[in-house]
Amino acid sequence: MPRHMVHRAALSEVFLTDAQALGGDRFLVAAQWPRDHALYYPDGDGLSDPLLFAETIRQSMVYLAHAYYDVPLTHHFIGSDFHFEITDPEMFRVTGVPLQPVLEARWTEVDSRPPNRISLRVDVELTIAGRVCGHGSISAIAVDAKRYGILRRRGAAPAAGTQTLVTQQGTRIPAACVGRLREKDCVLERAGSSDWQIRASVGHAVLFDHPTDHVPMMVMLEGFRQLGHLLSRMSTVYTEAGVSAFLTAVSIDCVAFAELDAPIRLEVQNGYEPAARGGAGELRVDAVQSGRGVATAAMTWAALPVAEREGVA
């Protein structure tokens, strides 16, 4: 799969391998997930990172737009909402060969004004090894450079060349506490007794695969995920032997561009109460920047009993 068709600069960040039209705006999209990855690596129990699914949905949307709907390669994609749910986490288990998921995708156009503005939605069903194990969707608009420039000027885009998301104003959370192996992969800071914020370097090879003038949706998702992992880890449910936290569902609504040069505060709604062993806990988070909301996220974290999964291939 050519890198430019999924808006990726590095070959290692391209997960799609093929696509086939089924007719009626329906497609099969094939992918291959790495057994290991610089950022999206398996968890301690050997399950693939759920964000591989998220990135595969995003790449599918971009590829279908260019390959089948004549959206120019120079158009900018602006995501508005995103969702996925994993219904069978065991199918994410890493084996001796890379997992080869298949998405059955359905394309829908909403209020489009081609060729300069296309409003779209892609819904997918995830299959691994012939077994349905998840679903998701992504909505976005694709606009030409002129219209994108108008939208960014409305948002007071920062000057090009910003080297960090924001200068450090809090305490960086240890990588192990947010499910990361390397300190540079942690994007979460503690800014007060109960305040959290996202801070990431635009030099990060995965989170910022190519130059951008705003914080990408996948970076926001990583920040939400890391906060969820931290709060799950702090719960007594996950300190039990044989229990681990796994992100099974997330829904994101993006209402404004998140800029690179100001803090993004993460505000937890109504606390977080994980379910009992074998259940799931709900977490809702608001992302606020310069006094205005930029995104909201709702996550479901499952307390998976590790012992019951041992020996499953």
C-alpha atoms as a PDB file:
ATOM      1  CA  MET A   1       0.000   0.000   0.000  1.00  0.00           C
ATOM      2  CA  PRO A   2       1.591   3.353  -1.007  1.00  0.00           C
ATOM      3  CA  ARG A   3       2.319   5.619   1.953  1.00  0.00           C
ATOM      4  CA  HIS A   4       0.727   8.702   0.440  1.00  0.00           C
ATOM      5  CA  MET A   5      -2.602   6.890   0.028  1.00  0.00           C
ATOM      6  CA  VAL A   6      -3.022   6.683   3.815  1.00  0.00           C
ATOM      7  CA  HIS A   7      -1.242   9.958   4.661  1.00  0.00           C
ATOM      8  CA  ARG A   8       1.776   8.349   6.277  1.00  0.00           C
ATOM      9  CA  ALA A   9       5.435   9.258   5.772  1.00  0.00           C
ATOM     10  CA  ALA A  10       7.047   6.096   7.208  1.00  0.00           C
ATOM     11  CA  LEU A  11       6.558   2.667   5.623  1.00  0.00           C
ATOM     12  CA  SER A  12       6.481   1.120   9.085  1.00  0.00           C
ATOM     13  CA  GLU A  13       3.325   3.118   9.892  1.00  0.00           C
ATOM     14  CA  VAL A  14       1.300   1.760   6.957  1.00  0.00           C
ATOM     15  CA  PHE A  15      -0.951  -1.065   8.184  1.00  0.00           C
ATOM     16  CA  LEU A  16      -3.216  -1.567   5.154  1.00  0.00           C
ATOM     17  CA  THR A  17      -2.255  -4.173   2.559  1.00  0.00           C
ATOM     18  CA  ASP A  18      -5.153  -4.319   0.072  1.00  0.00           C
ATOM     19  CA  ALA A  19      -8.768  -3.340  -0.611  1.00  0.00           C
ATOM     20  CA  GLN A  20     -11.587  -4.717  -2.732  1.00  0.00           C
ATOM     21  CA  ALA A  21     -14.875  -3.093  -3.789  1.00  0.00           C
ATOM     22  CA  LEU A  22     -17.981  -5.172  -3.034  1.00  0.00           C
ATOM     23  CA  GLY A  23     -20.469  -2.825  -4.699  1.00  0.00           C
ATOM     24  CA  GLY A  24     -22.978  -0.457  -3.171  1.00  0.00           C
ATOM     25  CA  ASP A  25     -20.331   1.624  -1.348  1.00  0.00           C
ATOM     26  CA  ARG A  26     -19.119  -1.468   0.519  1.00  0.00           C
ATOM     27  CA  PHE A  27     -15.510  -2.652   0.638  1.00  0.00           C
ATOM     28  CA  LEU A  28     -13.188  -5.208   2.147  1.00  0.00           C
ATOM     29  CA  VAL A  29      -9.997  -3.650   3.501  1.00  0.00           C
ATOM     30  CA  ALA A  30      -7.132  -5.953   4.488  1.00  0.00           C
ATOM     31  CA  ALA A  31      -4.408  -5.022   6.966  1.00  0.00           C
ATOM     32  CA  GLN A  32      -1.464  -6.525   8.799  1.00  0.00           C
ATOM     33  CA  TRP A  33      -0.678  -5.558  12.370  1.00  0.00           C
ATOM     34  CA  PRO A  34       2.947  -5.759  13.532  1.00  0.00           C
ATOM     35  CA  ARG A  35       3.773  -8.240  16.263  1.00  0.00           C
ATOM     36  CA  ASP A  36       5.766  -5.418  17.816  1.00  0.00           C
ATOM     37  CA  HIS A  37       5.808  -1.679  17.211  1.00  0.00           C
ATOM     38  CA  ALA A  38       7.638   1.390  18.480  1.00  0.00           C
ATOM     39  CA  LEU A  39       4.477   2.679  20.177  1.00  0.00           C
ATOM     40  CA  TYR A  40       1.569   0.292  19.567  1.00  0.00           C
ATOM     41  CA  TYR A  41       3.121  -2.822  21.067  1.00  0.00           C
ATOM     42  CA  PRO A  42       1.327  -5.741  22.796  1.00  0.00           C
ATOM     43  CA  ASP A  43       0.419  -5.409  26.460  1.00  0.00           C
ATOM     44  CA  GLY A  44       1.897  -7.545  29.205  1.00  0.00           C
ATOM     45  CA  ASP A  45      -0.645 -10.282  28.518  1.00  0.00           C
ATOM     46  CA  GLY A  46       0.167 -10.522  24.819  1.00  0.00           C
ATOM     47  CA  LEU A  47      -2.851  -8.660  23.398  1.00  0.00           C
ATOM     48  CA  SER A  48      -2.344  -6.294  20.463  1.00  0.00           C
ATOM     49  CA  ASP A  49      -2.708  -2.600  21.164  1.00  0.00           C
ATOM     50  CA  PRO A  50      -6.347  -1.498  20.582  1.00  0.00           C
ATOM     51  CA  LEU A  51      -5.066   1.653  18.911  1.00  0.00           C
ATOM     52  CA  LEU A  52      -3.856  -0.481  16.002  1.00  0.00           C
ATOM     53  CA  PHE A  53      -7.560  -0.963  15.284  1.00  0.00           C
ATOM     54  CA  ALA A  54      -8.139   2.784  15.580  1.00  0.00           C
ATOM     55  CA  GLU A  55      -5.326   3.648  13.180  1.00  0.00           C
ATOM     56  CA  THR A  56      -6.511   0.979  10.732  1.00  0.00           C
ATOM     57  CA  ILE A  57      -9.952   2.600  10.668  1.00  0.00           C
ATOM     58  CA  ARG A  58      -8.387   6.004   9.994  1.00  0.00           C
ATOM     59  CA  GLN A  59      -6.165   4.666   7.211  1.00  0.00           C
ATOM     60  CA  SER A  60      -9.116   2.854   5.636  1.00  0.00           C
ATOM     61  CA  MET A  61     -11.131   6.057   5.473  1.00  0.00           C
ATOM     62  CA  VAL A  62      -8.295   7.977   3.813  1.00  0.00           C
ATOM     63  CA  TYR A  63      -7.488   5.199   1.339  1.00  0.00           C
ATOM     64  CA  LEU A  64     -11.087   4.681   0.224  1.00  0.00           C
ATOM     65  CA  ALA A  65     -11.497   8.430  -0.276  1.00  0.00           C
ATOM     66  CA  HIS A  66      -8.504   8.632  -2.607  1.00  0.00           C
ATOM     67  CA  ALA A  67      -8.755   5.260  -4.370  1.00  0.00           C
ATOM     68  CA  TYR A  68     -12.518   5.002  -4.966  1.00  0.00           C
ATOM     69  CA  TYR A  69     -14.083   8.449  -4.558  1.00  0.00           C
ATOM     70  CA  ASP A  70     -11.600  10.682  -6.389  1.00  0.00           C
ATOM     71  CA  VAL A  71     -10.780  12.821  -3.365  1.00  0.00           C
ATOM     72  CA  PRO A  72      -7.555  14.620  -4.380  1.00  0.00           C
ATOM     73  CA  LEU A  73      -4.381  13.699  -2.546  1.00  0.00           C
ATOM     74  CA  THR A  74      -3.921  17.361  -1.671  1.00  0.00           C
ATOM     75  CA  HIS A  75      -7.162  17.533   0.344  1.00  0.00           C
ATOM     76  CA  HIS A  76      -7.034  17.831   4.136  1.00  0.00           C
ATOM     77  CA  PHE A  77      -9.085  15.474   6.325  1.00  0.00           C
ATOM     78  CA  ILE A  78     -10.663  16.951   9.455  1.00  0.00           C
ATOM     79  CA  GLY A  79     -12.097  14.326  11.801  1.00  0.00           C
ATOM     80  CA  SER A  80     -15.247  15.118  13.759  1.00  0.00           C
ATOM     81  CA  ASP A  81     -16.081  11.890  15.583  1.00  0.00           C
ATOM     82  CA  PHE A  82     -14.583   8.459  16.000  1.00  0.00           C
ATOM     83  CA  HIS A  83     -15.676   5.233  17.656  1.00  0.00           C
ATOM     84  CA  PHE A  84     -14.591   1.641  18.068  1.00  0.00           C
ATOM     85  CA  GLU A  85     -15.640  -1.305  20.185  1.00  0.00           C
ATOM     86  CA  ILE A  86     -13.768  -4.577  20.617  1.00  0.00           C
ATOM     87  CA  THR A  87     -16.252  -7.356  21.313  1.00  0.00           C
ATOM     88  CA  ASP A  88     -13.754 -10.220  21.594  1.00  0.00           C
ATOM     89  CA  PRO A  89     -10.392  -9.077  23.033  1.00  0.00           C
ATOM     90  CA  GLU A  90      -8.970 -12.593  22.832  1.00  0.00           C
ATOM     91  CA  MET A  91      -8.790 -12.274  19.043  1.00  0.00           C
ATOM     92  CA  PHE A  92      -6.202  -9.518  19.594  1.00  0.00           C
ATOM     93  CA  ARG A  93      -3.741 -12.022  21.046  1.00  0.00           C
ATOM     94  CA  VAL A  94      -0.335 -11.948  19.337  1.00  0.00           C
ATOM     95  CA  THR A  95       0.733 -15.289  17.896  1.00  0.00           C
ATOM     96  CA  GLY A  96       3.735 -16.559  15.947  1.00  0.00           C
ATOM     97  CA  VAL A  97       2.712 -14.593  12.842  1.00  0.00           C
ATOM     98  CA  PRO A  98       1.340 -11.046  12.427  1.00  0.00           C
ATOM     99  CA  LEU A  99      -2.417 -10.699  12.777  1.00  0.00           C
ATOM    100  CA  GLN A 100      -4.164  -9.987   9.477  1.00  0.00           C
ATOM    101  CA  PRO A 101      -7.446  -8.205  10.251  1.00  0.00           C
ATOM    102  CA  VAL A 102     -10.066  -7.489   7.614  1.00  0.00           C
ATOM    103  CA  LEU A 103     -12.481  -4.582   7.775  1.00  0.00           C
ATOM    104  CA  GLU A 104     -15.813  -4.713   6.005  1.00  0.00           C
ATOM    105  CA  ALA A 105     -16.331  -1.015   5.385  1.00  0.00           C
ATOM    106  CA  ARG A 106     -19.348   1.009   4.305  1.00  0.00           C
ATOM    107  CA  TRP A 107     -18.882   4.507   2.851  1.00  0.00           C
ATOM    108  CA  THR A 108     -21.526   7.208   3.315  1.00  0.00           C
ATOM    109  CA  GLU A 109     -21.429  10.792   2.079  1.00  0.00           C
ATOM    110  CA  VAL A 110     -23.295  13.444   4.080  1.00  0.00           C
ATOM    111  CA  ASP A 111     -23.914  16.995   2.886  1.00  0.00           C
ATOM    112  CA  SER A 112     -20.993  16.950   0.447  1.00  0.00           C
ATOM    113  CA  ARG A 113     -20.150  19.715  -2.010  1.00  0.00           C
ATOM    114  CA  PRO A 114     -17.604  18.075  -4.310  1.00  0.00           C
ATOM    115  CA  PRO A 115     -14.946  18.535  -5.427  1.00  0.00           C
ATOM    116  CA  ASN A 116     -13.839  21.064  -2.798  1.00  0.00           C
ATOM    117  CA  ARG A 117     -15.679  19.743   0.260  1.00  0.00           C
ATOM    118  CA  ILE A 118     -16.646  16.136   0.937  1.00  0.00           C
ATOM    119  CA  SER A 119     -18.397  15.187   4.167  1.00  0.00           C
ATOM    120  CA  LEU A 120     -18.124  11.456   4.836  1.00  0.00           C
ATOM    121  CA  ARG A 121     -18.594   8.622   7.267  1.00  0.00           C
ATOM    122  CA  VAL A 122     -17.051   5.154   7.204  1.00  0.00           C
ATOM    123  CA  ASP A 123     -18.485   2.301   9.292  1.00  0.00           C
ATOM    124  CA  VAL A 124     -16.487  -0.898   9.715  1.00  0.00           C
ATOM    125  CA  GLU A 125     -16.836  -4.422  11.061  1.00  0.00           C
ATOM    126  CA  LEU A 126     -13.617  -6.055  12.219  1.00  0.00           C
ATOM    127  CA  THR A 127     -12.813  -9.692  11.466  1.00  0.00           C
ATOM    128  CA  ILE A 128      -9.685 -11.560  12.536  1.00  0.00           C
ATOM    129  CA  ALA A 129      -9.094 -15.153  11.444  1.00  0.00           C
ATOM    130  CA  GLY A 130     -12.646 -15.286  10.113  1.00  0.00           C
ATOM    131  CA  ARG A 131     -14.210 -14.235  13.410  1.00  0.00           C
ATOM    132  CA  VAL A 132     -16.051 -10.949  13.957  1.00  0.00           C
ATOM    133  CA  CYS A 133     -14.521  -9.221  16.970  1.00  0.00           C
ATOM    134  CA  GLY A 134     -15.277  -5.520  16.744  1.00  0.00           C
ATOM    135  CA  HIS A 135     -16.774  -2.585  14.924  1.00  0.00           C
ATOM    136  CA  GLY A 136     -16.163   1.129  14.556  1.00  0.00           C
ATOM    137  CA  SER A 137     -16.764   4.312  12.608  1.00  0.00           C
ATOM    138  CA  ILE A 138     -15.134   7.590  11.675  1.00  0.00           C
ATOM    139  CA  SER A 139     -16.632  10.828  10.345  1.00  0.00           C
ATOM    140  CA  ALA A 140     -14.674  13.597   8.659  1.00  0.00           C
ATOM    141  CA  ILE A 141     -14.729  16.311   6.059  1.00  0.00           C
ATOM    142  CA  ALA A 142     -12.150  16.500   3.273  1.00  0.00           C
ATOM    143  CA  VAL A 143     -11.455  20.016   2.016  1.00  0.00           C
ATOM    144  CA  ASP A 144      -9.081  21.657  -0.435  1.00  0.00           C
ATOM    145  CA  ALA A 145      -6.133  23.770   0.721  1.00  0.00           C
ATOM    146  CA  LYS A 146      -8.000  27.071   0.339  1.00  0.00           C
ATOM    147  CA  ARG A 147     -10.913  26.031   2.537  1.00  0.00           C
ATOM    148  CA  TYR A 148      -8.581  24.405   5.038  1.00  0.00           C
ATOM    149  CA  GLY A 149      -6.655  27.662   5.314  1.00  0.00           C
ATOM    150  CA  ILE A 150      -9.874  29.549   6.014  1.00  0.00           C
ATOM    151  CA  LEU A 151     -10.823  27.081   8.753  1.00  0.00           C
ATOM    152  CA  ARG A 152      -7.391  27.309  10.366  1.00  0.00           C
ATOM    153  CA  ARG A 153      -7.356  31.096  10.359  1.00  0.00           C
ATOM    154  CA  ARG A 154     -10.638  30.986  12.240  1.00  0.00           C
ATOM    155  CA  GLY A 155      -8.886  28.846  14.828  1.00  0.00           C
ATOM    156  CA  ALA A 156      -5.846  31.130  15.055  1.00  0.00           C
ATOM    157  CA  ALA A 157      -3.354  28.501  13.917  1.00  0.00           C
ATOM    158  CA  PRO A 158       0.121  28.793  15.494  1.00  0.00           C
ATOM    159  CA  ALA A 159       3.164  29.688  13.489  1.00  0.00           C
ATOM    160  CA  ALA A 160       4.916  26.842  11.693  1.00  0.00           C
ATOM    161  CA  GLY A 161       7.953  25.282  13.330  1.00  0.00           C
ATOM    162  CA  THR A 162       6.598  24.784  16.842  1.00  0.00           C
ATOM    163  CA  GLN A 163       8.830  22.141  18.398  1.00  0.00           C
ATOM    164  CA  THR A 164       6.704  21.006  21.314  1.00  0.00           C
ATOM    165  CA  LEU A 165       3.038  20.753  22.072  1.00  0.00           C
ATOM    166  CA  VAL A 166       3.525  23.047  25.068  1.00  0.00           C
ATOM    167  CA  THR A 167       6.382  23.874  27.416  1.00  0.00           C
ATOM    168  CA  GLN A 168       6.421  21.733  30.517  1.00  0.00           C
ATOM    169  CA  GLN A 169       4.084  23.067  33.179  1.00  0.00           C
ATOM    170  CA  GLY A 170       3.528  19.953  35.246  1.00  0.00           C
ATOM    171  CA  THR A 171       5.061  16.647  36.249  1.00  0.00           C
ATOM    172  CA  ARG A 172       5.505  14.059  33.527  1.00  0.00           C
ATOM    173  CA  ILE A 173       3.895  10.754  34.532  1.00  0.00           C
ATOM    174  CA  PRO A 174       6.284   7.756  34.532  1.00  0.00           C
ATOM    175  CA  ALA A 175       5.850   5.750  31.329  1.00  0.00           C
ATOM    176  CA  ALA A 176       5.093   2.497  33.143  1.00  0.00           C
ATOM    177  CA  CYS A 177       2.097   4.105  34.868  1.00  0.00           C
ATOM    178  CA  VAL A 178       0.423   4.901  31.540  1.00  0.00           C
ATOM    179  CA  GLY A 179       1.188   1.618  29.800  1.00  0.00           C
ATOM    180  CA  ARG A 180       4.223   2.837  27.870  1.00  0.00           C
ATOM    181  CA  LEU A 181       7.773   1.443  27.806  1.00  0.00           C
ATOM    182  CA  ARG A 182       9.709   4.604  26.947  1.00  0.00           C
ATOM    183  CA  GLU A 183       9.529   7.942  28.718  1.00  0.00           C
ATOM    184  CA  LYS A 184       9.303   9.815  25.408  1.00  0.00           C
ATOM    185  CA  ASP A 185       6.105   7.905  24.586  1.00  0.00           C
ATOM    186  CA  CYS A 186       4.282   9.346  27.600  1.00  0.00           C
ATOM    187  CA  VAL A 187       2.118  12.346  26.638  1.00  0.00           C
ATOM    188  CA  LEU A 188       0.486  12.810  30.033  1.00  0.00           C
ATOM    189  CA  GLU A 189       1.441  15.318  32.723  1.00  0.00           C
ATOM    190  CA  ARG A 190       0.008  16.060  36.134  1.00  0.00           C
ATOM    191  CA  ALA A 191      -0.637  19.788  36.329  1.00  0.00           C
ATOM    192  CA  GLY A 192      -2.169  19.897  39.809  1.00  0.00           C
ATOM    193  CA  SER A 193      -3.683  17.766  42.537  1.00  0.00           C
ATOM    194  CA  SER A 194      -6.420  16.560  40.190  1.00  0.00           C
ATOM    195  CA  ASP A 195      -5.491  18.138  36.855  1.00  0.00           C
ATOM    196  CA  TRP A 196      -3.998  16.380  33.867  1.00  0.00           C
ATOM    197  CA  GLN A 197      -2.754  17.662  30.544  1.00  0.00           C
ATOM    198  CA  ILE A 198      -1.395  16.375  27.247  1.00  0.00           C
ATOM    199  CA  ARG A 199       2.152  17.289  26.231  1.00  0.00           C
ATOM    200  CA  ALA A 200       3.945  15.607  23.338  1.00  0.00           C
ATOM    201  CA  SER A 201       6.863  16.530  21.104  1.00  0.00           C
ATOM    202  CA  VAL A 202       6.192  17.072  17.405  1.00  0.00           C
ATOM    203  CA  GLY A 203       9.438  15.174  16.884  1.00  0.00           C
ATOM    204  CA  HIS A 204       7.854  11.895  17.998  1.00  0.00           C
ATOM    205  CA  ALA A 205       8.243   9.542  15.040  1.00  0.00           C
ATOM    206  CA  VAL A 206       4.840   7.860  15.426  1.00  0.00           C
ATOM    207  CA  LEU A 207       2.544  10.436  16.997  1.00  0.00           C
ATOM    208  CA  PHE A 208       3.754  13.073  14.544  1.00  0.00           C
ATOM    209  CA  ASP A 209       4.626  10.923  11.537  1.00  0.00           C
ATOM    210  CA  HIS A 210       4.608  14.017   9.301  1.00  0.00           C
ATOM    211  CA  PRO A 211       4.411  17.797   9.820  1.00  0.00           C
ATOM    212  CA  THR A 212       1.056  19.169  10.978  1.00  0.00           C
ATOM    213  CA  ASP A 213      -0.287  22.506  12.192  1.00  0.00           C
ATOM    214  CA  HIS A 214      -2.513  21.049  14.930  1.00  0.00           C
ATOM    215  CA  VAL A 215      -2.704  18.134  17.353  1.00  0.00           C
ATOM    216  CA  PRO A 216      -3.900  15.059  15.394  1.00  0.00           C
ATOM    217  CA  MET A 217      -6.862  12.997  16.557  1.00  0.00           C
ATOM    218  CA  MET A 218      -4.601   9.991  17.153  1.00  0.00           C
ATOM    219  CA  VAL A 219      -2.463  12.058  19.560  1.00  0.00           C
ATOM    220  CA  MET A 220      -5.601  13.095  21.430  1.00  0.00           C
ATOM    221  CA  LEU A 221      -6.667   9.452  21.541  1.00  0.00           C
ATOM    222  CA  GLU A 222      -3.280   8.450  22.950  1.00  0.00           C
ATOM    223  CA  GLY A 223      -3.650  11.081  25.679  1.00  0.00           C
ATOM    224  CA  PHE A 224      -7.133   9.855  26.579  1.00  0.00           C
ATOM    225  CA  ARG A 225      -5.924   6.258  26.583  1.00  0.00           C
ATOM    226  CA  GLN A 226      -2.949   7.009  28.820  1.00  0.00           C
ATOM    227  CA  LEU A 227      -5.151   8.775  31.366  1.00  0.00           C
ATOM    228  CA  GLY A 228      -7.556   5.828  31.348  1.00  0.00           C
ATOM    229  CA  HIS A 229      -4.690   3.400  31.848  1.00  0.00           C
ATOM    230  CA  LEU A 230      -3.342   5.452  34.755  1.00  0.00           C
ATOM    231  CA  LEU A 231      -6.697   5.677  36.530  1.00  0.00           C
ATOM    232  CA  SER A 232      -7.320   1.973  35.950  1.00  0.00           C
ATOM    233  CA  ARG A 233      -3.909   1.134  37.363  1.00  0.00           C
ATOM    234  CA  MET A 234      -4.685   3.183  40.481  1.00  0.00           C
ATOM    235  CA  SER A 235      -7.855   1.168  41.125  1.00  0.00           C
ATOM    236  CA  THR A 236      -7.784  -1.728  43.572  1.00  0.00           C
ATOM    237  CA  VAL A 237      -9.551  -3.898  40.977  1.00  0.00           C
ATOM    238  CA  TYR A 238      -6.432  -3.973  38.831  1.00  0.00           C
ATOM    239  CA  THR A 239      -4.030  -4.571  41.691  1.00  0.00           C
ATOM    240  CA  GLU A 240      -5.460  -8.046  42.125  1.00  0.00           C
ATOM    241  CA  ALA A 241      -3.324 -10.905  40.878  1.00  0.00           C
ATOM    242  CA  GLY A 242      -4.399 -12.114  37.448  1.00  0.00           C
ATOM    243  CA  VAL A 243      -6.344  -9.001  36.412  1.00  0.00           C
ATOM    244  CA  SER A 244      -5.346  -6.460  33.765  1.00  0.00           C
ATOM    245  CA  ALA A 245      -6.968  -3.422  32.145  1.00  0.00           C
ATOM    246  CA  PHE A 246      -7.820  -3.470  28.452  1.00  0.00           C
ATOM    247  CA  LEU A 247      -9.424  -0.663  26.455  1.00  0.00           C
ATOM    248  CA  THR A 248     -12.446  -2.266  24.774  1.00  0.00           C
ATOM    249  CA  ALA A 249     -14.316   0.811  23.519  1.00  0.00           C
ATOM    250  CA  VAL A 250     -13.829   4.511  22.911  1.00  0.00           C
ATOM    251  CA  SER A 251     -15.916   7.296  21.403  1.00  0.00           C
ATOM    252  CA  ILE A 252     -14.412  10.701  20.607  1.00  0.00           C
ATOM    253  CA  ASP A 253     -16.155  13.894  19.539  1.00  0.00           C
ATOM    254  CA  CYS A 254     -13.850  16.620  18.198  1.00  0.00           C
ATOM    255  CA  VAL A 255     -15.431  20.074  18.267  1.00  0.00           C
ATOM    256  CA  ALA A 256     -12.420  22.317  17.554  1.00  0.00           C
ATOM    257  CA  PHE A 257      -8.794  22.166  16.430  1.00  0.00           C
ATOM    258  CA  ALA A 258      -6.359  21.501  19.271  1.00  0.00           C
ATOM    259  CA  GLU A 259      -3.399  23.830  18.800  1.00  0.00           C
ATOM    260  CA  LEU A 260       0.239  22.927  19.280  1.00  0.00           C
ATOM    261  CA  ASP A 261       1.268  25.833  21.490  1.00  0.00           C
ATOM    262  CA  ALA A 262      -1.159  25.726  24.435  1.00  0.00           C
ATOM    263  CA  PRO A 263      -1.891  23.207  27.208  1.00  0.00           C
ATOM    264  CA  ILE A 264      -4.673  20.671  26.659  1.00  0.00           C
ATOM    265  CA  ARG A 265      -6.315  20.007  30.006  1.00  0.00           C
ATOM    266  CA  LEU A 266      -8.030  16.673  30.584  1.00  0.00           C
ATOM    267  CA  GLU A 267     -10.981  16.871  32.944  1.00  0.00           C
ATOM    268  CA  VAL A 268     -12.502  13.634  34.248  1.00  0.00           C
ATOM    269  CA  GLN A 269     -16.288  13.664  34.533  1.00  0.00           C
ATOM    270  CA  ASN A 270     -17.826  12.160  37.688  1.00  0.00           C
ATOM    271  CA  GLY A 271     -14.711  10.240  38.679  1.00  0.00           C
ATOM    272  CA  TYR A 272     -13.955   6.691  37.586  1.00  0.00           C
ATOM    273  CA  GLU A 273     -15.336   3.526  39.160  1.00  0.00           C
ATOM    274  CA  PRO A 274     -14.098   0.341  37.457  1.00  0.00           C
ATOM    275  CA  ALA A 275     -16.377  -2.678  37.476  1.00  0.00           C
ATOM    276  CA  ALA A 276     -15.601  -5.815  39.404  1.00  0.00           C
ATOM    277  CA  ARG A 277     -13.270  -8.520  38.115  1.00  0.00           C
ATOM    278  CA  GLY A 278     -14.407  -9.656  34.680  1.00  0.00           C
ATOM    279  CA  GLY A 279     -16.541  -6.519  34.190  1.00  0.00           C
ATOM    280  CA  ALA A 280     -15.893  -3.097  32.737  1.00  0.00           C
ATOM    281  CA  GLY A 281     -15.604   0.487  33.930  1.00  0.00           C
ATOM    282  CA  GLU A 282     -16.695   3.671  32.164  1.00  0.00           C
ATOM    283  CA  LEU A 283     -14.590   6.832  31.937  1.00  0.00           C
ATOM    284  CA  ARG A 284     -15.603  10.170  30.415  1.00  0.00           C
ATOM    285  CA  VAL A 285     -13.043  12.906  29.796  1.00  0.00           C
ATOM    286  CA  ASP A 286     -13.236  16.469  28.447  1.00  0.00           C
ATOM    287  CA  ALA A 287     -10.264  18.053  26.671  1.00  0.00           C
ATOM    288  CA  VAL A 288     -10.130  21.822  27.208  1.00  0.00           C
ATOM    289  CA  GLN A 289      -7.688  24.304  25.694  1.00  0.00           C
ATOM    290  CA  SER A 290      -7.544  28.050  26.383  1.00  0.00           C
ATOM    291  CA  GLY A 291     -10.939  27.928  28.040  1.00  0.00           C
ATOM    292  CA  ARG A 292     -12.806  26.136  25.249  1.00  0.00           C
ATOM    293  CA  GLY A 293     -13.623  22.493  24.753  1.00  0.00           C
ATOM    294  CA  VAL A 294     -11.800  20.791  21.892  1.00  0.00           C
ATOM    295  CA  ALA A 295     -12.881  17.165  22.367  1.00  0.00           C
ATOM    296  CA  THR A 296     -14.678  14.702  24.607  1.00  0.00           C
ATOM    297  CA  ALA A 297     -14.037  11.002  25.038  1.00  0.00           C
ATOM    298  CA  ALA A 298     -15.960   8.113  26.543  1.00  0.00           C
ATOM    299  CA  MET A 299     -13.974   4.955  27.234  1.00  0.00           C
ATOM    300  CA  THR A 300     -14.723   1.454  28.466  1.00  0.00           C
ATOM    301  CA  TRP A 301     -11.963  -0.398  30.291  1.00  0.00           C
ATOM    302  CA  ALA A 302     -12.408  -4.115  30.928  1.00  0.00           C
ATOM    303  CA  ALA A 303     -10.930  -5.902  33.913  1.00  0.00           C
ATOM    304  CA  LEU A 304      -9.823  -9.026  32.079  1.00  0.00           C
ATOM    305  CA  PRO A 305      -8.899 -12.065  34.191  1.00  0.00           C
ATOM    306  CA  VAL A 306      -5.502 -13.061  32.855  1.00  0.00           C
ATOM    307  CA  ALA A 307      -5.591 -16.605  34.226  1.00  0.00           C
ATOM    308  CA  GLU A 308      -8.603 -17.479  32.091  1.00  0.00           C
ATOM    309  CA  ARG A 309      -6.737 -16.466  28.937  1.00  0.00           C
ATOM    310  CA  GLU A 310      -3.537 -18.433  29.537  1.00  0.00           C
ATOM    311  CA  GLY A 311      -2.733 -21.036  26.931  1.00  0.00           C
ATOM    312  CA  VAL A 312      -5.117 -19.621  24.315  1.00  0.00           C
ATOM    313  CA  ALA A 313      -3.471 -19.198  20.918  1.00  0.00           C
END
